[in-house]
PDB file of N, CA and C in Angstrom:
ATOM      1  N   UNK A   1       0.846  -1.181   0.000  1.00  0.00           N
ATOM      2  CA  UNK A   1       0.000   0.000   0.000  1.00  0.00           C
ATOM      3  C   UNK A   1       0.886   1.237   0.000  1.00  0.00           C
ATOM      4  N   UNK A   2       0.525   2.230  -0.785  1.00  0.00           N
ATOM      5  CA  UNK A   2       1.328   3.443  -0.897  1.00  0.00           C
ATOM      6  C   UNK A   2       1.232   4.265   0.386  1.00  0.00           C
ATOM      7  N   UNK A   3       2.297   4.987   0.645  1.00  0.00           N
ATOM      8  CA  UNK A   3       2.358   5.815   1.841  1.00  0.00           C
ATOM      9  C   UNK A   3       1.538   7.079   1.620  1.00  0.00           C
ATOM     10  N   UNK A   4       0.815   7.530   2.648  1.00  0.00           N
ATOM     11  CA  UNK A   4       0.059   8.769   2.543  1.00  0.00           C
ATOM     12  C   UNK A   4       1.028   9.939   2.431  1.00  0.00           C
ATOM     13  N   UNK A   5       0.628  10.940   1.664  1.00  0.00           N
ATOM     14  CA  UNK A   5       1.488  12.079   1.387  1.00  0.00           C
ATOM     15  C   UNK A   5       1.342  13.165   2.446  1.00  0.00           C
ATOM     16  N   UNK A   6       2.297  14.082   2.455  1.00  0.00           N
ATOM     17  CA  UNK A   6       2.294  15.184   3.402  1.00  0.00           C
ATOM     18  C   UNK A   6       1.170  16.163   3.068  1.00  0.00           C
ATOM     19  N   UNK A   7       0.598  16.813   4.098  1.00  0.00           N
ATOM     20  CA  UNK A   7      -0.527  17.722   3.874  1.00  0.00           C
ATOM     21  C   UNK A   7      -0.241  18.839   2.874  1.00  0.00           C
ATOM     22  N   UNK A   8       0.986  19.391   2.860  1.00  0.00           N
ATOM     23  CA  UNK A   8       1.243  20.507   1.950  1.00  0.00           C
ATOM     24  C   UNK A   8       1.195  20.067   0.491  1.00  0.00           C
ATOM     25  N   UNK A   9       1.543  18.828   0.180  1.00  0.00           N
ATOM     26  CA  UNK A   9       1.410  18.324  -1.183  1.00  0.00           C
ATOM     27  C   UNK A   9      -0.069  18.199  -1.526  1.00  0.00           C
ATOM     28  N   UNK A  10      -0.871  17.716  -0.592  1.00  0.00           N
ATOM     29  CA  UNK A  10      -2.305  17.580  -0.826  1.00  0.00           C
ATOM     30  C   UNK A  10      -2.956  18.936  -1.039  1.00  0.00           C
ATOM     31  N   UNK A  11      -2.523  19.922  -0.301  1.00  0.00           N
ATOM     32  CA  UNK A  11      -3.042  21.283  -0.474  1.00  0.00           C
ATOM     33  C   UNK A  11      -2.661  21.815  -1.850  1.00  0.00           C
ATOM     34  N   UNK A  12      -1.435  21.561  -2.261  1.00  0.00           N
ATOM     35  CA  UNK A  12      -0.970  22.000  -3.577  1.00  0.00           C
ATOM     36  C   UNK A  12      -1.816  21.348  -4.681  1.00  0.00           C
ATOM     37  N   UNK A  13      -2.074  20.060  -4.565  1.00  0.00           N
ATOM     38  CA  UNK A  13      -2.898  19.357  -5.557  1.00  0.00           C
ATOM     39  C   UNK A  13      -4.315  19.926  -5.553  1.00  0.00           C
ATOM     40  N   UNK A  14      -4.875  20.141  -4.373  1.00  0.00           N
ATOM     41  CA  UNK A  14      -6.217  20.729  -4.256  1.00  0.00           C
ATOM     42  C   UNK A  14      -6.280  22.070  -4.978  1.00  0.00           C
ATOM     43  N   UNK A  15      -5.330  22.943  -4.696  1.00  0.00           N
ATOM     44  CA  UNK A  15      -5.349  24.277  -5.283  1.00  0.00           C
ATOM     45  C   UNK A  15      -5.197  24.235  -6.802  1.00  0.00           C
ATOM     46  N   UNK A  16      -4.358  23.331  -7.299  1.00  0.00           N
ATOM     47  CA  UNK A  16      -4.191  23.203  -8.752  1.00  0.00           C
ATOM     48  C   UNK A  16      -5.472  22.706  -9.413  1.00  0.00           C
ATOM     49  N   UNK A  17      -6.121  21.707  -8.825  1.00  0.00           N
ATOM     50  CA  UNK A  17      -7.379  21.213  -9.387  1.00  0.00           C
ATOM     51  C   UNK A  17      -8.428  22.306  -9.347  1.00  0.00           C
ATOM     52  N   UNK A  18      -8.483  23.039  -8.253  1.00  0.00           N
ATOM     53  CA  UNK A  18      -9.444  24.135  -8.113  1.00  0.00           C
ATOM     54  C   UNK A  18      -9.229  25.200  -9.189  1.00  0.00           C
ATOM     55  N   UNK A  19      -7.978  25.472  -9.535  1.00  0.00           N
ATOM     56  CA  UNK A  19      -7.664  26.456 -10.580  1.00  0.00           C
ATOM     57  C   UNK A  19      -7.899  25.914 -11.983  1.00  0.00           C
ATOM     58  N   UNK A  20      -7.698  24.610 -12.171  1.00  0.00           N
ATOM     59  CA  UNK A  20      -7.698  24.029 -13.514  1.00  0.00           C
ATOM     60  C   UNK A  20      -9.073  23.587 -14.002  1.00  0.00           C
ATOM     61  N   UNK A  21      -9.978  23.254 -13.084  1.00  0.00           N
ATOM     62  CA  UNK A  21     -11.244  22.637 -13.477  1.00  0.00           C
ATOM     63  C   UNK A  21     -12.439  23.438 -12.982  1.00  0.00           C
ATOM     64  N   UNK A  22     -13.431  23.617 -13.876  1.00  0.00           N
ATOM     65  CA  UNK A  22     -14.706  24.141 -13.408  1.00  0.00           C
ATOM     66  C   UNK A  22     -15.574  22.950 -12.996  1.00  0.00           C
ATOM     67  N   UNK A  23     -16.816  23.191 -12.624  1.00  0.00           N
ATOM     68  CA  UNK A  23     -17.669  22.126 -12.089  1.00  0.00           C
ATOM     69  C   UNK A  23     -17.841  20.973 -13.074  1.00  0.00           C
ATOM     70  N   UNK A  24     -18.206  21.264 -14.322  1.00  0.00           N
ATOM     71  CA  UNK A  24     -18.424  20.192 -15.298  1.00  0.00           C
ATOM     72  C   UNK A  24     -17.137  19.435 -15.596  1.00  0.00           C
ATOM     73  N   UNK A  25     -16.037  20.139 -15.667  1.00  0.00           N
ATOM     74  CA  UNK A  25     -14.745  19.494 -15.930  1.00  0.00           C
ATOM     75  C   UNK A  25     -14.322  18.630 -14.745  1.00  0.00           C
ATOM     76  N   UNK A  26     -14.624  19.080 -13.535  1.00  0.00           N
ATOM     77  CA  UNK A  26     -14.311  18.286 -12.350  1.00  0.00           C
ATOM     78  C   UNK A  26     -15.150  17.011 -12.321  1.00  0.00           C
ATOM     79  N   UNK A  27     -16.408  17.119 -12.737  1.00  0.00           N
ATOM     80  CA  UNK A  27     -17.252  15.923 -12.835  1.00  0.00           C
ATOM     81  C   UNK A  27     -16.645  14.923 -13.825  1.00  0.00           C
ATOM     82  N   UNK A  28     -16.090  15.440 -14.938  1.00  0.00           N
ATOM     83  CA  UNK A  28     -15.433  14.568 -15.924  1.00  0.00           C
ATOM     84  C   UNK A  28     -14.211  13.889 -15.300  1.00  0.00           C
ATOM     85  N   UNK A  29     -13.423  14.651 -14.528  1.00  0.00           N
ATOM     86  CA  UNK A  29     -12.275  14.072 -13.842  1.00  0.00           C
ATOM     87  C   UNK A  29     -12.724  12.933 -12.924  1.00  0.00           C
ATOM     88  N   UNK A  30     -13.795  13.158 -12.174  1.00  0.00           N
ATOM     89  CA  UNK A  30     -14.327  12.118 -11.283  1.00  0.00           C
ATOM     90  C   UNK A  30     -14.735  10.887 -12.085  1.00  0.00           C
ATOM     91  N   UNK A  31     -15.327  11.097 -13.247  1.00  0.00           N
ATOM     92  CA  UNK A  31     -15.736   9.985 -14.099  1.00  0.00           C
ATOM     93  C   UNK A  31     -14.527   9.138 -14.504  1.00  0.00           C
ATOM     94  N   UNK A  32     -13.430   9.784 -14.894  1.00  0.00           N
ATOM     95  CA  UNK A  32     -12.213   9.067 -15.266  1.00  0.00           C
ATOM     96  C   UNK A  32     -11.630   8.300 -14.078  1.00  0.00           C
ATOM     97  N   UNK A  33     -11.800   8.841 -12.884  1.00  0.00           N
ATOM     98  CA  UNK A  33     -11.268   8.209 -11.673  1.00  0.00           C
ATOM     99  C   UNK A  33     -12.225   7.159 -11.106  1.00  0.00           C
ATOM    100  N   UNK A  34     -13.386   7.011 -11.740  1.00  0.00           N
ATOM    101  CA  UNK A  34     -14.415   6.088 -11.282  1.00  0.00           C
ATOM    102  C   UNK A  34     -14.875   6.422  -9.862  1.00  0.00           C
ATOM    103  N   UNK A  35     -15.015   7.730  -9.620  1.00  0.00           N
ATOM    104  CA  UNK A  35     -15.515   8.246  -8.348  1.00  0.00           C
ATOM    105  C   UNK A  35     -16.808   8.982  -8.651  1.00  0.00           C
ATOM    106  N   UNK A  36     -17.862   8.665  -7.909  1.00  0.00           N
ATOM    107  CA  UNK A  36     -19.136   9.349  -8.130  1.00  0.00           C
ATOM    108  C   UNK A  36     -19.086  10.729  -7.479  1.00  0.00           C
ATOM    109  N   UNK A  37     -19.269  11.750  -8.305  1.00  0.00           N
ATOM    110  CA  UNK A  37     -19.242  13.132  -7.825  1.00  0.00           C
ATOM    111  C   UNK A  37     -20.230  13.325  -6.671  1.00  0.00           C
ATOM    112  N   UNK A  38     -21.424  12.773  -6.804  1.00  0.00           N
ATOM    113  CA  UNK A  38     -22.452  12.963  -5.772  1.00  0.00           C
ATOM    114  C   UNK A  38     -22.102  12.305  -4.446  1.00  0.00           C
ATOM    115  N   UNK A  39     -21.148  11.375  -4.449  1.00  0.00           N
ATOM    116  CA  UNK A  39     -20.725  10.732  -3.204  1.00  0.00           C
ATOM    117  C   UNK A  39     -19.631  11.507  -2.471  1.00  0.00           C
ATOM    118  N   UNK A  40     -19.114  12.561  -3.097  1.00  0.00           N
ATOM    119  CA  UNK A  40     -18.104  13.393  -2.439  1.00  0.00           C
ATOM    120  C   UNK A  40     -18.794  14.329  -1.462  1.00  0.00           C
ATOM    121  N   UNK A  41     -18.199  14.512  -0.305  1.00  0.00           N
ATOM    122  CA  UNK A  41     -18.833  15.360   0.705  1.00  0.00           C
ATOM    123  C   UNK A  41     -18.481  16.820   0.482  1.00  0.00           C
ATOM    124  N   UNK A  42     -19.380  17.676   0.914  1.00  0.00           N
ATOM    125  CA  UNK A  42     -19.165  19.113   0.824  1.00  0.00           C
ATOM    126  C   UNK A  42     -20.217  19.771  -0.041  1.00  0.00           C
ATOM    127  N   UNK A  43     -20.502  21.015   0.286  1.00  0.00           N
ATOM    128  CA  UNK A  43     -21.511  21.763  -0.460  1.00  0.00           C
ATOM    129  C   UNK A  43     -20.932  22.626  -1.554  1.00  0.00           C
ATOM    130  N   UNK A  44     -19.615  22.750  -1.593  1.00  0.00           N
ATOM    131  CA  UNK A  44     -18.984  23.588  -2.611  1.00  0.00           C
ATOM    132  C   UNK A  44     -18.036  22.727  -3.452  1.00  0.00           C
ATOM    133  N   UNK A  45     -17.686  23.251  -4.617  1.00  0.00           N
ATOM    134  CA  UNK A  45     -16.734  22.548  -5.474  1.00  0.00           C
ATOM    135  C   UNK A  45     -15.408  22.362  -4.741  1.00  0.00           C
ATOM    136  N   UNK A  46     -14.954  23.393  -4.063  1.00  0.00           N
ATOM    137  CA  UNK A  46     -13.685  23.313  -3.338  1.00  0.00           C
ATOM    138  C   UNK A  46     -13.709  22.212  -2.276  1.00  0.00           C
ATOM    139  N   UNK A  47     -14.813  22.085  -1.568  1.00  0.00           N
ATOM    140  CA  UNK A  47     -14.933  21.044  -0.537  1.00  0.00           C
ATOM    141  C   UNK A  47     -14.939  19.653  -1.167  1.00  0.00           C
ATOM    142  N   UNK A  48     -15.578  19.509  -2.310  1.00  0.00           N
ATOM    143  CA  UNK A  48     -15.598  18.212  -2.994  1.00  0.00           C
ATOM    144  C   UNK A  48     -14.223  17.860  -3.541  1.00  0.00           C
ATOM    145  N   UNK A  49     -13.493  18.863  -4.031  1.00  0.00           N
ATOM    146  CA  UNK A  49     -12.116  18.632  -4.476  1.00  0.00           C
ATOM    147  C   UNK A  49     -11.287  18.151  -3.292  1.00  0.00           C
ATOM    148  N   UNK A  50     -11.457  18.797  -2.153  1.00  0.00           N
ATOM    149  CA  UNK A  50     -10.734  18.411  -0.936  1.00  0.00           C
ATOM    150  C   UNK A  50     -11.031  16.950  -0.590  1.00  0.00           C
ATOM    151  N   UNK A  51     -12.297  16.571  -0.627  1.00  0.00           N
ATOM    152  CA  UNK A  51     -12.670  15.193  -0.307  1.00  0.00           C
ATOM    153  C   UNK A  51     -12.052  14.225  -1.311  1.00  0.00           C
ATOM    154  N   UNK A  52     -12.080  14.564  -2.599  1.00  0.00           N
ATOM    155  CA  UNK A  52     -11.489  13.687  -3.615  1.00  0.00           C
ATOM    156  C   UNK A  52      -9.997  13.493  -3.379  1.00  0.00           C
ATOM    157  N   UNK A  53      -9.276  14.581  -3.134  1.00  0.00           N
ATOM    158  CA  UNK A  53      -7.827  14.485  -2.916  1.00  0.00           C
ATOM    159  C   UNK A  53      -7.535  13.645  -1.676  1.00  0.00           C
ATOM    160  N   UNK A  54      -8.283  13.847  -0.610  1.00  0.00           N
ATOM    161  CA  UNK A  54      -8.081  13.065   0.615  1.00  0.00           C
ATOM    162  C   UNK A  54      -8.362  11.581   0.374  1.00  0.00           C
ATOM    163  N   UNK A  55      -9.441  11.279  -0.339  1.00  0.00           N
ATOM    164  CA  UNK A  55      -9.777   9.874  -0.636  1.00  0.00           C
ATOM    165  C   UNK A  55      -8.698   9.214  -1.476  1.00  0.00           C
ATOM    166  N   UNK A  56      -8.257   9.921  -2.521  1.00  0.00           N
ATOM    167  CA  UNK A  56      -7.243   9.356  -3.403  1.00  0.00           C
ATOM    168  C   UNK A  56      -5.944   9.127  -2.629  1.00  0.00           C
ATOM    169  N   UNK A  57      -5.630  10.009  -1.701  1.00  0.00           N
ATOM    170  CA  UNK A  57      -4.439   9.843  -0.875  1.00  0.00           C
ATOM    171  C   UNK A  57      -4.572   8.627   0.035  1.00  0.00           C
ATOM    172  N   UNK A  58      -5.697   8.495   0.725  1.00  0.00           N
ATOM    173  CA  UNK A  58      -5.915   7.363   1.630  1.00  0.00           C
ATOM    174  C   UNK A  58      -5.858   6.030   0.889  1.00  0.00           C
ATOM    175  N   UNK A  59      -6.330   6.019  -0.360  1.00  0.00           N
ATOM    176  CA  UNK A  59      -6.370   4.788  -1.144  1.00  0.00           C
ATOM    177  C   UNK A  59      -5.083   4.552  -1.932  1.00  0.00           C
ATOM    178  N   UNK A  60      -4.087   5.442  -1.763  1.00  0.00           N
ATOM    179  CA  UNK A  60      -2.830   5.294  -2.488  1.00  0.00           C
ATOM    180  C   UNK A  60      -2.984   5.526  -3.984  1.00  0.00           C
ATOM    181  N   UNK A  61      -3.918   6.402  -4.356  1.00  0.00           N
ATOM    182  CA  UNK A  61      -4.228   6.639  -5.763  1.00  0.00           C
ATOM    183  C   UNK A  61      -3.845   8.033  -6.248  1.00  0.00           C
ATOM    184  N   UNK A  62      -2.932   8.711  -5.554  1.00  0.00           N
ATOM    185  CA  UNK A  62      -2.537  10.051  -6.001  1.00  0.00           C
ATOM    186  C   UNK A  62      -1.893  10.021  -7.377  1.00  0.00           C
ATOM    187  N   UNK A  63      -1.117   8.976  -7.677  1.00  0.00           N
ATOM    188  CA  UNK A  63      -0.502   8.870  -9.007  1.00  0.00           C
ATOM    189  C   UNK A  63      -1.573   8.842 -10.091  1.00  0.00           C
ATOM    190  N   UNK A  64      -2.634   8.077  -9.859  1.00  0.00           N
ATOM    191  CA  UNK A  64      -3.732   7.988 -10.819  1.00  0.00           C
ATOM    192  C   UNK A  64      -4.444   9.335 -10.949  1.00  0.00           C
ATOM    193  N   UNK A  65      -4.689   9.993  -9.822  1.00  0.00           N
ATOM    194  CA  UNK A  65      -5.312  11.317  -9.833  1.00  0.00           C
ATOM    195  C   UNK A  65      -4.474  12.294 -10.649  1.00  0.00           C
ATOM    196  N   UNK A  66      -3.171  12.334 -10.387  1.00  0.00           N
ATOM    197  CA  UNK A  66      -2.306  13.266 -11.092  1.00  0.00           C
ATOM    198  C   UNK A  66      -2.148  12.896 -12.565  1.00  0.00           C
ATOM    199  N   UNK A  67      -2.220  11.605 -12.883  1.00  0.00           N
ATOM    200  CA  UNK A  67      -2.176  11.193 -14.288  1.00  0.00           C
ATOM    201  C   UNK A  67      -3.354  11.809 -15.044  1.00  0.00           C
ATOM    202  N   UNK A  68      -4.570  11.646 -14.495  1.00  0.00           N
ATOM    203  CA  UNK A  68      -5.756  12.156 -15.180  1.00  0.00           C
ATOM    204  C   UNK A  68      -5.787  13.677 -15.194  1.00  0.00           C
ATOM    205  N   UNK A  69      -5.307  14.313 -14.132  1.00  0.00           N
ATOM    206  CA  UNK A  69      -5.219  15.777 -14.139  1.00  0.00           C
ATOM    207  C   UNK A  69      -4.288  16.235 -15.264  1.00  0.00           C
ATOM    208  N   UNK A  70      -3.128  15.586 -15.375  1.00  0.00           N
ATOM    209  CA  UNK A  70      -2.175  15.928 -16.429  1.00  0.00           C
ATOM    210  C   UNK A  70      -2.696  15.618 -17.812  1.00  0.00           C
ATOM    211  N   UNK A  71      -3.462  14.542 -17.936  1.00  0.00           N
ATOM    212  CA  UNK A  71      -4.032  14.167 -19.229  1.00  0.00           C
ATOM    213  C   UNK A  71      -5.083  15.190 -19.671  1.00  0.00           C
ATOM    214  N   UNK A  72      -5.950  15.598 -18.722  1.00  0.00           N
ATOM    215  CA  UNK A  72      -7.020  16.533 -19.046  1.00  0.00           C
ATOM    216  C   UNK A  72      -6.549  17.985 -19.090  1.00  0.00           C
ATOM    217  N   UNK A  73      -5.516  18.314 -18.323  1.00  0.00           N
ATOM    218  CA  UNK A  73      -4.977  19.675 -18.265  1.00  0.00           C
ATOM    219  C   UNK A  73      -3.449  19.629 -18.387  1.00  0.00           C
ATOM    220  N   UNK A  74      -2.929  19.352 -19.599  1.00  0.00           N
ATOM    221  CA  UNK A  74      -1.482  19.199 -19.759  1.00  0.00           C
ATOM    222  C   UNK A  74      -0.701  20.507 -19.593  1.00  0.00           C
ATOM    223  N   UNK A  75      -1.367  21.642 -19.645  1.00  0.00           N
ATOM    224  CA  UNK A  75      -0.660  22.927 -19.541  1.00  0.00           C
ATOM    225  C   UNK A  75      -0.389  23.353 -18.105  1.00  0.00           C
ATOM    226  N   UNK A  76      -0.841  22.573 -17.148  1.00  0.00           N
ATOM    227  CA  UNK A  76      -0.572  22.868 -15.742  1.00  0.00           C
ATOM    228  C   UNK A  76       0.648  22.072 -15.282  1.00  0.00           C
ATOM    229  N   UNK A  77       1.362  22.610 -14.327  1.00  0.00           N
ATOM    230  CA  UNK A  77       2.555  21.965 -13.779  1.00  0.00           C
ATOM    231  C   UNK A  77       2.136  21.112 -12.577  1.00  0.00           C
ATOM    232  N   UNK A  78       1.746  19.856 -12.838  1.00  0.00           N
ATOM    233  CA  UNK A  78       1.279  18.964 -11.782  1.00  0.00           C
ATOM    234  C   UNK A  78       2.465  18.409 -11.006  1.00  0.00           C
ATOM    235  N   UNK A  79       2.364  18.323  -9.683  1.00  0.00           N
ATOM    236  CA  UNK A  79       3.492  17.849  -8.868  1.00  0.00           C
ATOM    237  C   UNK A  79       3.733  16.354  -9.023  1.00  0.00           C
ATOM    238  N   UNK A  80       4.940  15.964  -8.709  1.00  0.00           N
ATOM    239  CA  UNK A  80       5.313  14.555  -8.656  1.00  0.00           C
ATOM    240  C   UNK A  80       5.156  14.129  -7.202  1.00  0.00           C
ATOM    241  N   UNK A  81       4.234  13.199  -6.902  1.00  0.00           N
ATOM    242  CA  UNK A  81       4.007  12.845  -5.497  1.00  0.00           C
ATOM    243  C   UNK A  81       5.205  12.201  -4.815  1.00  0.00           C
ATOM    244  N   UNK A  82       6.167  11.721  -5.597  1.00  0.00           N
ATOM    245  CA  UNK A  82       7.339  11.109  -4.972  1.00  0.00           C
ATOM    246  C   UNK A  82       8.415  12.148  -4.643  1.00  0.00           C
ATOM    247  N   UNK A  83       8.277  13.356  -5.196  1.00  0.00           N
ATOM    248  CA  UNK A  83       9.263  14.416  -4.933  1.00  0.00           C
ATOM    249  C   UNK A  83       8.910  15.140  -3.635  1.00  0.00           C
ATOM    250  N   UNK A  84       9.917  15.546  -2.871  1.00  0.00           N
ATOM    251  CA  UNK A  84       9.628  16.300  -1.644  1.00  0.00           C
ATOM    252  C   UNK A  84       9.086  17.687  -1.982  1.00  0.00           C
ATOM    253  N   UNK A  85       8.213  18.169  -1.139  1.00  0.00           N
ATOM    254  CA  UNK A  85       7.647  19.507  -1.312  1.00  0.00           C
ATOM    255  C   UNK A  85       8.295  20.420  -0.291  1.00  0.00           C
ATOM    256  N   UNK A  86       8.834  21.533  -0.758  1.00  0.00           N
ATOM    257  CA  UNK A  86       9.452  22.472   0.181  1.00  0.00           C
ATOM    258  C   UNK A  86       8.375  23.352   0.778  1.00  0.00           C
ATOM    259  N   UNK A  87       8.553  23.708   2.030  1.00  0.00           N
ATOM    260  CA  UNK A  87       7.558  24.520   2.709  1.00  0.00           C
ATOM    261  C   UNK A  87       7.436  25.909   2.097  1.00  0.00           C
ATOM    262  N   UNK A  88       8.497  26.411   1.473  1.00  0.00           N
ATOM    263  CA  UNK A  88       8.451  27.736   0.869  1.00  0.00           C
ATOM    264  C   UNK A  88       7.527  27.811  -0.327  1.00  0.00           C
ATOM    265  N   UNK A  89       7.308  26.707  -1.038  1.00  0.00           N
ATOM    266  CA  UNK A  89       6.469  26.743  -2.227  1.00  0.00           C
ATOM    267  C   UNK A  89       5.092  26.145  -2.000  1.00  0.00           C
ATOM    268  N   UNK A  90       4.872  25.548  -0.856  1.00  0.00           N
ATOM    269  CA  UNK A  90       3.585  24.920  -0.581  1.00  0.00           C
ATOM    270  C   UNK A  90       2.559  25.982  -0.176  1.00  0.00           C
ATOM    271  N   UNK A  91       1.311  25.813  -0.611  1.00  0.00           N
ATOM    272  CA  UNK A  91       0.256  26.730  -0.180  1.00  0.00           C
ATOM    273  C   UNK A  91       0.070  26.644   1.331  1.00  0.00           C
ATOM    274  N   UNK A  92      -0.561  27.658   1.906  1.00  0.00           N
ATOM    275  CA  UNK A  92      -0.677  27.747   3.358  1.00  0.00           C
ATOM    276  C   UNK A  92      -1.565  26.664   3.960  1.00  0.00           C
ATOM    277  N   UNK A  93      -2.862  26.728   3.757  1.00  0.00           N
ATOM    278  CA  UNK A  93      -3.743  25.725   4.339  1.00  0.00           C
ATOM    279  C   UNK A  93      -5.084  25.745   3.623  1.00  0.00           C
ATOM    280  N   UNK A  94      -5.859  24.711   3.853  1.00  0.00           N
ATOM    281  CA  UNK A  94      -7.180  24.602   3.263  1.00  0.00           C
ATOM    282  C   UNK A  94      -8.214  24.919   4.333  1.00  0.00           C
ATOM    283  N   UNK A  95      -9.125  25.818   4.029  1.00  0.00           N
ATOM    284  CA  UNK A  95     -10.227  26.106   4.936  1.00  0.00           C
ATOM    285  C   UNK A  95     -11.521  26.100   4.143  1.00  0.00           C
ATOM    286  N   UNK A  96     -12.548  25.540   4.731  1.00  0.00           N
ATOM    287  CA  UNK A  96     -13.855  25.546   4.092  1.00  0.00           C
ATOM    288  C   UNK A  96     -14.470  26.927   4.222  1.00  0.00           C
ATOM    289  N   UNK A  97     -15.188  27.381   3.191  1.00  0.00           N
ATOM    290  CA  UNK A  97     -15.854  28.673   3.319  1.00  0.00           C
ATOM    291  C   UNK A  97     -16.936  28.590   4.396  1.00  0.00           C
ATOM    292  N   UNK A  98     -17.249  29.715   5.039  1.00  0.00           N
ATOM    293  CA  UNK A  98     -18.257  29.672   6.097  1.00  0.00           C
ATOM    294  C   UNK A  98     -19.624  29.280   5.523  1.00  0.00           C
ATOM    295  N   UNK A  99     -20.363  28.547   6.306  1.00  0.00           N
ATOM    296  CA  UNK A  99     -21.698  28.115   5.890  1.00  0.00           C
ATOM    297  C   UNK A  99     -22.694  29.234   6.118  1.00  0.00           C
ATOM    298  N   UNK A 100     -23.569  29.447   5.149  1.00  0.00           N
ATOM    299  CA  UNK A 100     -24.614  30.453   5.264  1.00  0.00           C
ATOM    300  C   UNK A 100     -25.830  29.795   5.918  1.00  0.00           C
ATOM    301  N   UNK A 101     -26.169  30.158   7.162  1.00  0.00           N
ATOM    302  CA  UNK A 101     -27.286  29.497   7.840  1.00  0.00           C
ATOM    303  C   UNK A 101     -28.635  29.823   7.201  1.00  0.00           C
ATOM    304  N   UNK A 102     -28.697  30.856   6.373  1.00  0.00           N
ATOM    305  CA  UNK A 102     -29.955  31.215   5.711  1.00  0.00           C
ATOM    306  C   UNK A 102     -30.164  30.456   4.406  1.00  0.00           C
ATOM    307  N   UNK A 103     -29.146  29.746   3.954  1.00  0.00           N
ATOM    308  CA  UNK A 103     -29.259  29.002   2.708  1.00  0.00           C
ATOM    309  C   UNK A 103     -29.968  27.676   2.990  1.00  0.00           C
ATOM    310  N   UNK A 104     -31.019  27.399   2.217  1.00  0.00           N
ATOM    311  CA  UNK A 104     -31.824  26.207   2.427  1.00  0.00           C
ATOM    312  C   UNK A 104     -31.897  25.427   1.126  1.00  0.00           C
ATOM    313  N   UNK A 105     -31.761  24.122   1.232  1.00  0.00           N
ATOM    314  CA  UNK A 105     -31.947  23.237   0.087  1.00  0.00           C
ATOM    315  C   UNK A 105     -33.258  22.509   0.286  1.00  0.00           C
ATOM    316  N   UNK A 106     -34.125  22.585  -0.714  1.00  0.00           N
ATOM    317  CA  UNK A 106     -35.423  21.934  -0.628  1.00  0.00           C
ATOM    318  C   UNK A 106     -35.560  21.002  -1.810  1.00  0.00           C
ATOM    319  N   UNK A 107     -35.871  19.758  -1.531  1.00  0.00           N
ATOM    320  CA  UNK A 107     -36.082  18.763  -2.569  1.00  0.00           C
ATOM    321  C   UNK A 107     -37.423  18.120  -2.327  1.00  0.00           C
ATOM    322  N   UNK A 108     -38.168  17.899  -3.406  1.00  0.00           N
ATOM    323  CA  UNK A 108     -39.467  17.275  -3.241  1.00  0.00           C
ATOM    324  C   UNK A 108     -39.818  16.481  -4.487  1.00  0.00           C
ATOM    325  N   UNK A 109     -40.718  15.546  -4.330  1.00  0.00           N
ATOM    326  CA  UNK A 109     -41.236  14.798  -5.471  1.00  0.00           C
ATOM    327  C   UNK A 109     -42.291  15.655  -6.161  1.00  0.00           C
ATOM    328  N   UNK A 110     -42.461  15.470  -7.445  1.00  0.00           N
ATOM    329  CA  UNK A 110     -43.420  16.299  -8.188  1.00  0.00           C
ATOM    330  C   UNK A 110     -44.842  16.146  -7.627  1.00  0.00           C
ATOM    331  N   UNK A 111     -45.151  14.991  -7.045  1.00  0.00           N
ATOM    332  CA  UNK A 111     -46.467  14.793  -6.445  1.00  0.00           C
ATOM    333  C   UNK A 111     -46.691  15.723  -5.247  1.00  0.00           C
ATOM    334  N   UNK A 112     -45.600  16.165  -4.614  1.00  0.00           N
ATOM    335  CA  UNK A 112     -45.689  17.020  -3.432  1.00  0.00           C
ATOM    336  C   UNK A 112     -45.475  18.490  -3.764  1.00  0.00           C
ATOM    337  N   UNK A 113     -45.563  18.864  -5.014  1.00  0.00           N
ATOM    338  CA  UNK A 113     -45.257  20.241  -5.437  1.00  0.00           C
ATOM    339  C   UNK A 113     -46.137  21.257  -4.722  1.00  0.00           C
ATOM    340  N   UNK A 114     -47.406  20.972  -4.631  1.00  0.00           N
ATOM    341  CA  UNK A 114     -48.331  21.934  -3.999  1.00  0.00           C
ATOM    342  C   UNK A 114     -47.946  22.123  -2.537  1.00  0.00           C
ATOM    343  N   UNK A 115     -47.706  21.032  -1.832  1.00  0.00           N
ATOM    344  CA  UNK A 115     -47.328  21.095  -0.422  1.00  0.00           C
ATOM    345  C   UNK A 115     -45.986  21.836  -0.255  1.00  0.00           C
ATOM    346  N   UNK A 116     -45.000  21.529  -1.115  1.00  0.00           N
ATOM    347  CA  UNK A 116     -43.683  22.135  -1.006  1.00  0.00           C
ATOM    348  C   UNK A 116     -43.727  23.618  -1.288  1.00  0.00           C
ATOM    349  N   UNK A 117     -44.580  24.035  -2.182  1.00  0.00           N
ATOM    350  CA  UNK A 117     -44.671  25.449  -2.536  1.00  0.00           C
ATOM    351  C   UNK A 117     -45.204  26.236  -1.371  1.00  0.00           C
TER     352      UNK A 117
END
């Protein structure tokens, strides 16, 4: 089993994916990785990217993740997970955006439309 990588490398990968892919492109990346986008946790794209990177790291699949990132976005400088990351070039940290308590998600079946409205 592959060794889990250092947090600063994971942050670097997260930030690169966040810069390189919009929502639809990220869904395509998940498809290539055989990961269901809807099974990733988080309410934002950034949070889902974070979950994907963490999962791929835990499963020893960072090489596969970086392969597909490089294949889909060859113009980006993707890191080599076997190379050491210097603290001077690593991004600072990952933080989730604050949750808006007024934001509500409502889902209903079409039969319940009148009630939901």
